[in-house]
Amino acid sequence: MDNSEQDTGDCRRPGRTVAIVGRPNVGKSAVFNRIAGKRIAIVHNESGVTRDRLSREIASPSGPFTLIYTGGIMNIDRETIHDRIDSGIRMQAEAALAGASAAILVTDIISGATPLDEEAASVLRKSGIKVFVAANKADTPEKDQAAADFSRWGFPVYPVSALHGRGFEDLMDAVMKTLPPPEQTGEQEEEPPLCVAIVGRPNAGKSSFINKLLRTERVIVSDTPGTTRDSIDIPFAVDGRRYVLIDTAGARREARVDTAVERYSRYRMQESVLRADICVLMLDAERGAGLLDKQLAGEITEQGKGCVVAVNKWDLSTVKQREYIDKLRREIPFMSYCPVVFISAKTGFNIKSLIGAVDHVAVQSRSALPTAVLNRVISEACEQSPPPSKNGRRLRIYYAVQVGRNPIGIRIFVNDPLRAPENYKAYLIGKIREKFGLEGVVVYLQFRARPQAAGANRPQTGSAEKRNK
């Protein structure tokens, strides 16, 4: 079986969904990662690390399917659930089962069947879906015989080792046989979904925003900071346009990341930014932009991602929007090109406007700049403010071409790249933005020495002086 992960998000295929469930600390994260063929879920011996449900679309010879990984079922009896997070984990597990065609119940072959395993099996039996038991931690063939302890539930049992990869071929062959045939795709390829990462400090309202947008409790919301530990992929569609939202873990300042789980959560957040097409930097209107928000903004910019700034909890603010934007531009000046949308995840204010801004930035990020117009803009910029000199020798700009999209990359051929200071690069980027817009999109310039043969007969941009050789 080919367990390669598709990078197009997790747009679920109806009827071809497999849920991984079980009590905490039986190795569900490791099983998920082993089937997905990539380290996606956080693997840690701390109970309750996974709280929301993760999903990925997996490619296999039998056709693609969606793999869902749920938080550990802490307590099956609803009457004994007091903590809102534990209740949310149970809710997420039930939601995953409701849309699944098959379930893999992960157990620990070393500890054997526990009362909580028994309750989980009972819940699965009532769901009516096909269930397979993955008796995990069977690291050697000698441990396989202990898997018989789980056969009492009437489900097929497969001893596996997520650590060593034992037993997964037989398990997944059996699972795949229970799934309906994959849908036949037409000749015209469907446009891939737009991948949008929601990034921000803890309790900025990222999960609340997603739940309001989707009109469902898709992710767990709690007043406890750090409820979201991992990055969650959530597919949805608006007016036929497909998206994958990535709800990232609330990042803390690097100096305060003091546990292995937090360090890996931050790594997953960074990976989500890298994987995204567009990022939404969510700020708390009451707190404003702090040092952590500036760090996150810098990370988005360094990765070259288009960005929309969402100011959440605006229903609680007494500041005027113009006043807030002016202050924000001073605090994070390097992101002054990004659109700012004021929202309230609680009331739903401006939620659709934020999606519209994301679409606008996505279009801008794919802009193709006509070479002739681009060179004319740069030529006029050089006439208004001539290129600087260094040690008595002036920077000469010859011509420019676009070399990349999302971010917008522009290669400028010059006489000596070392004579191009950063402030002049910023000046040229500003002029390019004036002409082409490119709102919310990172623009970078590559200064290169002009190839002698290719540039011999090209007109120079800027100064009309002839180069003395």
Protein backbone atom coordinates (compact mmCIF):
# COMPACT_ATOMS: atom_id res chain seq x y z
CA MET A 1 0.00 0.00 0.00
CA ASP A 2 1.23 3.47 -0.93
CA ASN A 3 0.87 5.68 2.12
CA SER A 4 2.03 8.90 0.50
CA GLU A 5 0.25 12.02 1.65
CA GLN A 6 -1.36 14.39 -0.80
CA ASP A 7 -0.55 18.07 -0.34
CA THR A 8 -3.92 19.25 -1.58
CA GLY A 9 -5.46 19.28 1.88
CA ASP A 10 -7.99 16.81 3.23
CA CYS A 11 -11.07 17.44 1.08
CA ARG A 12 -13.00 14.42 2.20
CA ARG A 13 -14.21 11.85 -0.28
CA PRO A 14 -17.73 10.71 0.71
CA GLY A 15 -17.86 7.11 1.85
CA ARG A 16 -14.08 6.60 1.91
CA THR A 17 -13.23 7.76 5.41
CA VAL A 18 -11.42 5.77 8.11
CA ALA A 19 -11.43 6.96 11.74
CA ILE A 20 -8.74 6.07 14.28
CA VAL A 21 -10.12 5.98 17.83
CA GLY A 22 -9.16 4.64 21.25
CA ARG A 23 -8.29 5.58 24.78
CA PRO A 24 -5.29 7.81 25.55
CA ASN A 25 -1.73 6.50 25.37
CA VAL A 26 -2.31 3.44 23.20
CA GLY A 27 -0.35 4.91 20.28
CA LYS A 28 -3.07 6.42 18.06
CA SER A 29 -0.76 9.23 16.95
CA ALA A 30 1.94 6.76 15.93
CA VAL A 31 -0.61 4.57 14.09
CA PHE A 32 -1.95 7.63 12.26
CA ASN A 33 1.55 8.70 11.25
CA ARG A 34 2.46 5.17 10.15
CA ILE A 35 -0.60 4.88 7.86
CA ALA A 36 -0.14 8.43 6.55
CA GLY A 37 3.52 7.69 5.88
CA LYS A 38 4.56 10.96 7.48
CA ARG A 39 4.90 12.45 10.95
CA ILE A 40 1.72 14.51 11.18
CA ALA A 41 0.22 13.93 14.63
CA ILE A 42 2.21 14.73 17.77
CA VAL A 43 3.56 11.58 19.40
CA HIS A 44 4.10 12.02 23.13
CA ASN A 45 3.52 10.03 26.31
CA GLU A 46 1.54 12.86 27.91
CA SER A 47 -2.15 11.98 28.10
CA GLY A 48 -4.51 14.14 26.05
CA VAL A 49 -1.96 15.68 23.69
CA THR A 50 -4.37 15.30 20.76
CA ARG A 51 -7.62 17.12 21.45
CA ASP A 52 -9.16 17.98 18.10
CA ARG A 53 -9.45 15.61 15.18
CA LEU A 54 -6.83 15.59 12.44
CA SER A 55 -7.44 14.39 8.91
CA ARG A 56 -5.39 13.71 5.81
CA GLU A 57 -6.18 12.38 2.37
CA ILE A 58 -4.09 9.28 1.72
CA ALA A 59 -3.24 7.80 -1.67
CA SER A 60 -3.41 4.03 -2.11
CA PRO A 61 -3.58 1.56 -5.03
CA SER A 62 -7.27 1.07 -4.18
CA GLY A 63 -7.97 4.78 -4.47
CA PRO A 64 -7.66 7.78 -2.15
CA PHE A 65 -9.32 7.82 1.26
CA THR A 66 -9.52 10.19 4.20
CA LEU A 67 -7.87 9.20 7.46
CA ILE A 68 -9.22 10.85 10.62
CA TYR A 69 -7.45 10.80 13.96
CA THR A 70 -9.46 11.70 17.06
CA GLY A 71 -8.51 12.71 20.56
CA GLY A 72 -8.34 9.96 23.17
CA ILE A 73 -11.75 9.01 24.55
CA MET A 74 -11.22 10.11 28.15
CA ASN A 75 -14.50 8.97 29.64
CA ILE A 76 -17.40 7.40 27.81
CA ASP A 77 -20.05 8.18 30.41
CA ARG A 78 -21.35 11.69 29.66
CA GLU A 79 -22.53 12.20 33.24
CA THR A 80 -18.98 12.00 34.54
CA ILE A 81 -17.57 14.50 32.06
CA HIS A 82 -16.91 17.77 33.88
CA ASP A 83 -14.05 19.35 32.01
CA ARG A 84 -15.06 21.12 28.82
CA ILE A 85 -11.96 20.00 26.96
CA ASP A 86 -12.59 16.34 27.80
CA SER A 87 -16.18 16.78 26.65
CA GLY A 88 -14.94 18.36 23.45
CA ILE A 89 -12.64 15.39 22.78
CA ARG A 90 -15.60 13.04 23.09
CA MET A 91 -17.64 15.27 20.76
CA GLN A 92 -14.88 15.31 18.15
CA ALA A 93 -14.58 11.51 18.28
CA GLU A 94 -18.34 11.13 17.76
CA ALA A 95 -18.26 13.57 14.84
CA ALA A 96 -15.45 11.60 13.21
CA LEU A 97 -17.36 8.34 13.59
CA ALA A 98 -20.52 9.88 12.16
CA GLY A 99 -18.82 10.46 8.81
CA ALA A 100 -16.65 7.34 8.71
CA SER A 101 -17.05 4.14 6.70
CA ALA A 102 -14.68 2.17 8.93
CA ALA A 103 -12.89 2.60 12.24
CA ILE A 104 -9.59 1.36 13.60
CA LEU A 105 -9.77 0.83 17.37
CA VAL A 106 -6.22 1.13 18.66
CA THR A 107 -5.38 -0.83 21.82
CA ASP A 108 -2.24 -1.64 23.79
CA ILE A 109 -1.27 -5.30 23.44
CA ILE A 110 0.99 -5.05 26.48
CA SER A 111 -1.63 -3.79 28.95
CA GLY A 112 -4.43 -5.84 27.40
CA ALA A 113 -8.13 -4.95 27.32
CA THR A 114 -9.03 -2.31 29.91
CA PRO A 115 -12.50 -1.12 31.03
CA LEU A 116 -12.06 2.01 28.91
CA ASP A 117 -11.23 -0.16 25.89
CA GLU A 118 -14.42 -2.13 26.58
CA GLU A 119 -16.48 1.07 26.62
CA ALA A 120 -14.86 2.32 23.42
CA ALA A 121 -15.65 -0.99 21.72
CA SER A 122 -19.26 -0.66 22.89
CA VAL A 123 -19.56 2.82 21.38
CA LEU A 124 -18.11 1.57 18.09
CA ARG A 125 -20.45 -1.43 18.01
CA LYS A 126 -23.46 0.90 18.34
CA SER A 127 -22.17 3.12 15.50
CA GLY A 128 -22.86 0.34 12.99
CA ILE A 129 -19.64 0.89 11.01
CA LYS A 130 -17.03 -1.75 10.25
CA VAL A 131 -14.46 -1.91 13.07
CA PHE A 132 -10.92 -3.31 13.07
CA VAL A 133 -8.77 -3.66 16.19
CA ALA A 134 -5.14 -2.61 15.87
CA ALA A 135 -3.40 -4.24 18.84
CA ASN A 136 -0.46 -1.87 18.97
CA LYS A 137 3.01 -2.32 20.48
CA ALA A 138 3.39 -5.86 19.12
CA ASP A 139 7.04 -5.13 18.43
CA THR A 140 8.01 -8.81 18.11
CA PRO A 141 6.17 -11.90 16.79
CA GLU A 142 6.22 -13.37 20.31
CA LYS A 143 3.75 -10.69 21.44
CA ASP A 144 1.22 -11.42 18.67
CA GLN A 145 -0.56 -14.17 20.60
CA ALA A 146 -1.63 -11.66 23.24
CA ALA A 147 -3.87 -10.04 20.61
CA ALA A 148 -6.44 -12.79 21.24
CA ASP A 149 -7.44 -10.87 24.38
CA PHE A 150 -9.29 -8.37 22.17
CA SER A 151 -11.20 -10.90 20.06
CA ARG A 152 -14.03 -11.02 22.64
CA TRP A 153 -15.55 -7.89 21.06
CA GLY A 154 -16.24 -9.67 17.79
CA PHE A 155 -14.05 -7.41 15.66
CA PRO A 156 -11.15 -8.67 13.51
CA VAL A 157 -7.89 -8.15 15.41
CA TYR A 158 -4.51 -7.32 13.86
CA PRO A 159 -1.33 -7.17 15.98
CA VAL A 160 0.72 -4.20 14.79
CA SER A 161 3.72 -2.14 15.81
CA ALA A 162 3.55 1.53 14.89
CA LEU A 163 7.14 1.87 16.06
CA HIS A 164 8.50 -0.78 13.69
CA GLY A 165 5.79 -0.86 11.01
CA ARG A 166 4.78 -4.49 11.67
CA GLY A 167 1.35 -5.75 10.62
CA PHE A 168 0.05 -2.66 8.81
CA GLU A 169 -0.10 -4.22 5.36
CA ASP A 170 -2.60 -6.88 6.48
CA LEU A 171 -4.59 -4.37 8.53
CA MET A 172 -4.95 -1.82 5.74
CA ASP A 173 -5.70 -4.47 3.11
CA ALA A 174 -8.66 -5.55 5.23
CA VAL A 175 -9.78 -1.98 5.87
CA MET A 176 -9.62 -0.98 2.20
CA LYS A 177 -11.82 -3.92 1.16
CA THR A 178 -14.69 -2.49 3.23
CA LEU A 179 -14.62 0.96 1.59
CA PRO A 180 -16.85 1.78 -1.38
CA PRO A 181 -15.20 2.25 -4.79
CA PRO A 182 -13.58 5.65 -5.35
CA GLU A 183 -15.53 8.25 -7.27
CA GLN A 184 -14.73 8.49 -10.96
CA THR A 185 -13.19 11.84 -11.80
CA GLY A 186 -13.95 13.67 -15.04
CA GLU A 187 -11.43 14.67 -17.64
CA GLN A 188 -11.31 18.27 -16.43
CA GLU A 189 -9.11 18.59 -13.36
CA GLU A 190 -10.74 20.32 -10.40
CA GLU A 191 -9.01 23.42 -9.07
CA PRO A 192 -7.12 22.50 -5.89
CA PRO A 193 -8.42 24.00 -2.65
CA LEU A 194 -6.89 27.19 -1.29
CA CYS A 195 -4.89 26.31 1.80
CA VAL A 196 -5.27 28.98 4.52
CA ALA A 197 -3.34 28.85 7.81
CA ILE A 198 -4.85 30.69 10.80
CA VAL A 199 -1.94 31.89 12.95
CA GLY A 200 -1.95 33.77 16.23
CA ARG A 201 -1.21 33.85 19.93
CA PRO A 202 -3.14 31.56 22.32
CA ASN A 203 -6.74 32.65 22.92
CA ALA A 204 -6.76 35.09 20.01
CA GLY A 205 -9.93 33.34 18.84
CA LYS A 206 -8.66 31.16 15.97
CA SER A 207 -10.80 28.14 16.81
CA SER A 208 -13.86 30.29 17.57
CA PHE A 209 -13.49 31.96 14.17
CA ILE A 210 -13.40 28.60 12.40
CA ASN A 211 -16.43 27.32 14.29
CA LYS A 212 -18.38 30.49 13.45
CA LEU A 213 -17.36 30.27 9.80
CA LEU A 214 -18.37 26.62 9.53
CA ARG A 215 -21.41 27.05 11.80
CA THR A 216 -20.42 23.96 13.74
CA GLU A 217 -18.25 23.02 16.73
CA ARG A 218 -15.54 21.73 14.38
CA VAL A 219 -12.69 22.49 16.77
CA ILE A 220 -12.62 22.58 20.55
CA VAL A 221 -12.98 26.04 22.09
CA SER A 222 -11.94 26.63 25.69
CA ASP A 223 -10.76 29.50 27.84
CA THR A 224 -7.74 27.35 28.73
CA PRO A 225 -4.71 28.55 26.72
CA GLY A 226 -3.19 25.88 24.50
CA THR A 227 -6.36 23.88 23.87
CA THR A 228 -5.28 23.35 20.27
CA ARG A 229 -2.01 21.39 20.44
CA ASP A 230 -1.64 20.37 16.80
CA SER A 231 -2.45 21.84 13.40
CA ILE A 232 -5.92 20.78 12.22
CA ASP A 233 -6.86 20.65 8.51
CA ILE A 234 -10.50 21.56 7.92
CA PRO A 235 -12.03 21.48 4.41
CA PHE A 236 -15.00 23.68 3.48
CA ALA A 237 -16.48 25.44 0.46
CA VAL A 238 -18.04 28.86 -0.21
CA ASP A 239 -19.93 29.47 -3.46
CA GLY A 240 -18.22 26.49 -5.06
CA ARG A 241 -14.72 27.64 -4.03
CA ARG A 242 -12.90 25.00 -2.00
CA TYR A 243 -10.65 25.79 0.95
CA VAL A 244 -8.63 23.94 3.54
CA LEU A 245 -8.34 25.88 6.79
CA ILE A 246 -5.38 25.02 9.01
CA ASP A 247 -6.15 25.81 12.64
CA THR A 248 -2.66 26.05 14.11
CA ALA A 249 -1.67 25.68 17.73
CA GLY A 250 -1.54 29.00 19.58
CA ALA A 251 2.11 29.97 19.48
CA ARG A 252 3.98 31.18 22.55
CA ARG A 253 7.15 33.23 22.53
CA GLU A 254 10.12 30.98 21.85
CA ALA A 255 11.69 31.86 25.19
CA ARG A 256 8.59 30.46 26.93
CA VAL A 257 8.32 27.20 24.99
CA ASP A 258 9.32 24.94 27.85
CA THR A 259 7.91 21.48 27.08
CA ALA A 260 8.50 18.93 24.34
CA VAL A 261 4.83 19.10 23.30
CA GLU A 262 4.94 22.89 23.01
CA ARG A 263 8.15 22.75 21.01
CA TYR A 264 6.64 20.27 18.58
CA SER A 265 3.38 22.29 18.43
CA ARG A 266 5.40 25.32 17.40
CA TYR A 267 7.22 23.25 14.80
CA ARG A 268 3.86 22.05 13.43
CA MET A 269 2.67 25.66 13.31
CA GLN A 270 5.75 26.66 11.32
CA GLU A 271 5.23 23.71 9.00
CA SER A 272 1.60 24.79 8.49
CA VAL A 273 2.71 28.28 7.47
CA LEU A 274 5.12 26.73 4.98
CA ARG A 275 2.35 24.52 3.55
CA ALA A 276 -0.25 27.29 3.30
CA ASP A 277 -1.06 29.38 0.24
CA ILE A 278 -2.28 32.32 2.35
CA CYS A 279 -1.97 33.06 6.08
CA VAL A 280 -4.38 34.88 8.36
CA LEU A 281 -2.56 36.57 11.25
CA MET A 282 -5.20 36.83 13.99
CA LEU A 283 -4.77 39.57 16.57
CA ASP A 284 -6.68 40.18 19.78
CA ALA A 285 -8.26 43.65 19.53
CA GLU A 286 -8.04 44.15 23.30
CA ARG A 287 -4.35 43.25 23.52
CA GLY A 288 -3.06 44.79 20.30
CA ALA A 289 0.08 43.63 18.51
CA GLY A 290 2.67 42.34 20.95
CA LEU A 291 6.16 40.90 20.55
CA LEU A 292 4.80 37.42 19.76
CA ASP A 293 2.53 38.82 17.03
CA LYS A 294 5.55 40.55 15.50
CA GLN A 295 7.50 37.27 15.60
CA LEU A 296 4.65 35.45 13.84
CA ALA A 297 4.38 38.24 11.26
CA GLY A 298 8.11 37.94 10.62
CA GLU A 299 7.78 34.18 10.18
CA ILE A 300 5.00 34.60 7.63
CA THR A 301 7.05 37.16 5.73
CA GLU A 302 10.21 35.03 5.79
CA GLN A 303 8.26 32.13 4.28
CA GLY A 304 7.02 34.47 1.54
CA LYS A 305 3.34 33.88 2.26
CA GLY A 306 0.50 36.21 1.37
CA CYS A 307 -1.23 37.48 4.50
CA VAL A 308 -4.44 39.05 5.78
CA VAL A 309 -4.45 40.57 9.27
CA ALA A 310 -7.65 39.75 11.17
CA VAL A 311 -8.34 41.83 14.28
CA ASN A 312 -10.68 39.65 16.35
CA LYS A 313 -12.94 40.60 19.28
CA TRP A 314 -13.69 43.93 17.64
CA ASP A 315 -17.09 43.93 19.38
CA LEU A 316 -15.20 44.61 22.63
CA SER A 317 -13.05 47.45 21.29
CA THR A 318 -13.66 51.17 21.82
CA VAL A 319 -10.97 52.27 19.36
CA LYS A 320 -11.77 53.55 15.86
CA GLN A 321 -10.62 51.34 13.00
CA ARG A 322 -8.47 54.03 11.37
CA GLU A 323 -6.75 54.72 14.67
CA TYR A 324 -6.06 51.01 15.19
CA ILE A 325 -4.67 50.58 11.66
CA ASP A 326 -2.32 53.57 12.05
CA LYS A 327 -1.01 52.13 15.33
CA LEU A 328 -0.63 48.68 13.77
CA ARG A 329 1.37 50.10 10.85
CA ARG A 330 3.79 51.64 13.33
CA GLU A 331 4.11 48.45 15.37
CA ILE A 332 4.55 46.07 12.40
CA PRO A 333 5.70 48.35 9.57
CA PHE A 334 7.08 45.53 7.44
CA MET A 335 3.54 44.20 6.95
CA SER A 336 1.91 47.52 6.06
CA TYR A 337 1.03 46.10 2.63
CA CYS A 338 -1.39 43.56 4.18
CA PRO A 339 -5.15 44.19 4.28
CA VAL A 340 -6.66 44.51 7.76
CA VAL A 341 -10.13 43.11 8.49
CA PHE A 342 -11.91 43.73 11.79
CA ILE A 343 -13.99 40.74 12.89
CA SER A 344 -15.82 39.20 15.81
CA ALA A 345 -15.76 35.42 15.96
CA LYS A 346 -18.36 35.65 18.71
CA THR A 347 -21.00 37.64 16.78
CA GLY A 348 -19.96 36.72 13.24
CA PHE A 349 -19.18 40.34 12.32
CA ASN A 350 -17.20 40.59 9.05
CA ILE A 351 -16.47 36.84 8.84
CA LYS A 352 -17.40 36.72 5.15
CA SER A 353 -15.39 39.89 4.50
CA LEU A 354 -12.31 38.11 5.84
CA ILE A 355 -12.80 35.24 3.38
CA GLY A 356 -13.22 37.83 0.62
CA ALA A 357 -9.92 39.43 1.63
CA VAL A 358 -8.23 36.02 1.57
CA ASP A 359 -9.54 35.42 -1.96
CA HIS A 360 -8.30 38.86 -3.04
CA VAL A 361 -4.79 38.22 -1.71
CA ALA A 362 -4.78 34.78 -3.37
CA VAL A 363 -5.55 36.39 -6.74
CA GLN A 364 -2.87 39.03 -6.19
CA SER A 365 -0.32 36.36 -5.31
CA ARG A 366 -0.77 34.76 -8.73
CA SER A 367 -0.28 38.02 -10.64
CA ALA A 368 1.72 37.95 -13.87
CA LEU A 369 3.51 41.27 -14.34
CA PRO A 370 3.98 42.25 -18.01
CA THR A 371 7.71 42.60 -18.62
CA ALA A 372 7.39 45.83 -20.62
CA VAL A 373 5.24 47.51 -17.97
CA LEU A 374 7.49 46.25 -15.17
CA ASN A 375 10.59 47.74 -16.84
CA ARG A 376 8.79 51.01 -17.46
CA VAL A 377 7.85 51.26 -13.76
CA ILE A 378 11.45 50.62 -12.71
CA SER A 379 12.78 53.10 -15.29
CA GLU A 380 10.45 55.82 -14.01
CA ALA A 381 11.42 55.01 -10.42
CA CYS A 382 15.09 55.43 -11.32
CA GLU A 383 14.39 58.79 -12.95
CA GLN A 384 12.58 60.01 -9.83
CA SER A 385 15.30 58.76 -7.51
CA PRO A 386 18.55 57.68 -9.26
CA PRO A 387 20.27 54.50 -8.04
CA PRO A 388 22.86 55.13 -5.32
CA SER A 389 26.62 55.23 -5.71
CA LYS A 390 29.19 53.28 -3.74
CA ASN A 391 32.85 54.26 -3.69
CA GLY A 392 32.18 56.63 -6.55
CA ARG A 393 30.55 54.02 -8.79
CA ARG A 394 26.80 54.13 -9.42
CA LEU A 395 24.48 51.15 -9.48
CA ARG A 396 23.19 50.67 -13.02
CA ILE A 397 19.88 48.87 -13.61
CA TYR A 398 19.47 47.31 -17.06
CA TYR A 399 16.25 45.30 -17.15
CA ALA A 400 13.93 43.18 -15.02
CA VAL A 401 11.84 40.01 -15.40
CA GLN A 402 9.35 38.26 -13.11
CA VAL A 403 10.67 34.90 -11.89
CA GLY A 404 8.12 33.78 -9.31
CA ARG A 405 4.59 33.95 -7.97
CA ASN A 406 3.33 33.62 -4.39
CA PRO A 407 5.61 35.28 -3.49
CA ILE A 408 6.16 37.63 -6.41
CA GLY A 409 9.80 37.32 -7.42
CA ILE A 410 11.50 39.85 -9.70
CA ARG A 411 15.02 39.45 -11.04
CA ILE A 412 16.79 42.72 -11.85
CA PHE A 413 19.98 42.66 -13.91
CA VAL A 414 22.53 45.27 -12.86
CA ASN A 415 26.21 46.09 -13.27
CA ASP A 416 27.09 45.07 -9.69
CA PRO A 417 24.59 43.47 -7.26
CA LEU A 418 26.71 44.49 -4.25
CA ARG A 419 25.90 48.15 -4.91
CA ALA A 420 22.16 47.64 -4.27
CA PRO A 421 21.37 48.70 -0.68
CA GLU A 422 18.28 47.42 1.13
CA ASN A 423 16.63 50.84 1.30
CA TYR A 424 16.74 51.19 -2.47
CA LYS A 425 15.29 47.72 -2.90
CA ALA A 426 12.44 48.73 -0.58
CA TYR A 427 11.94 51.90 -2.65
CA LEU A 428 11.62 49.90 -5.87
CA ILE A 429 9.22 47.42 -4.25
CA GLY A 430 7.07 50.35 -3.15
CA LYS A 431 6.91 51.69 -6.71
CA ILE A 432 6.04 48.23 -8.04
CA ARG A 433 3.21 47.99 -5.50
CA GLU A 434 1.92 51.41 -6.54
CA LYS A 435 1.53 50.19 -10.10
CA PHE A 436 0.41 46.57 -9.68
CA GLY A 437 -1.26 46.58 -6.26
CA LEU A 438 -0.10 43.20 -4.89
CA GLU A 439 -1.95 43.80 -1.63
CA GLY A 440 -1.04 41.26 1.03
CA VAL A 441 1.64 39.63 -1.14
CA VAL A 442 5.34 39.40 -0.41
CA VAL A 443 7.51 40.90 -3.19
CA TYR A 444 11.21 40.12 -3.32
CA LEU A 445 13.93 41.37 -5.67
CA GLN A 446 16.91 39.38 -6.92
CA PHE A 447 19.76 41.56 -8.14
CA ARG A 448 21.97 39.74 -10.64
CA ALA A 449 24.98 40.77 -12.71
CA ARG A 450 23.91 41.20 -16.33
CA PRO A 451 25.10 38.36 -18.59
CA GLN A 452 27.48 39.95 -21.07
CA ALA A 453 26.15 38.20 -24.18
CA ALA A 454 22.49 38.49 -23.30
CA GLY A 455 22.65 42.13 -22.27
CA ALA A 456 24.97 43.54 -24.91
CA ASN A 457 22.24 45.18 -27.01
CA ARG A 458 19.63 45.81 -24.29
CA PRO A 459 18.77 49.42 -23.34
CA GLN A 460 19.89 50.56 -19.92
CA THR A 461 17.33 51.63 -17.33
CA GLY A 462 17.97 54.75 -15.28
CA SER A 463 21.13 56.72 -16.07
CA ALA A 464 21.85 57.37 -19.73
CA GLU A 465 25.63 57.28 -19.24
CA LYS A 466 27.61 54.77 -21.20
CA ARG A 467 29.55 52.27 -19.17
CA ASN A 468 33.33 52.75 -19.48
CA LYS A 469 35.08 49.47 -19.80
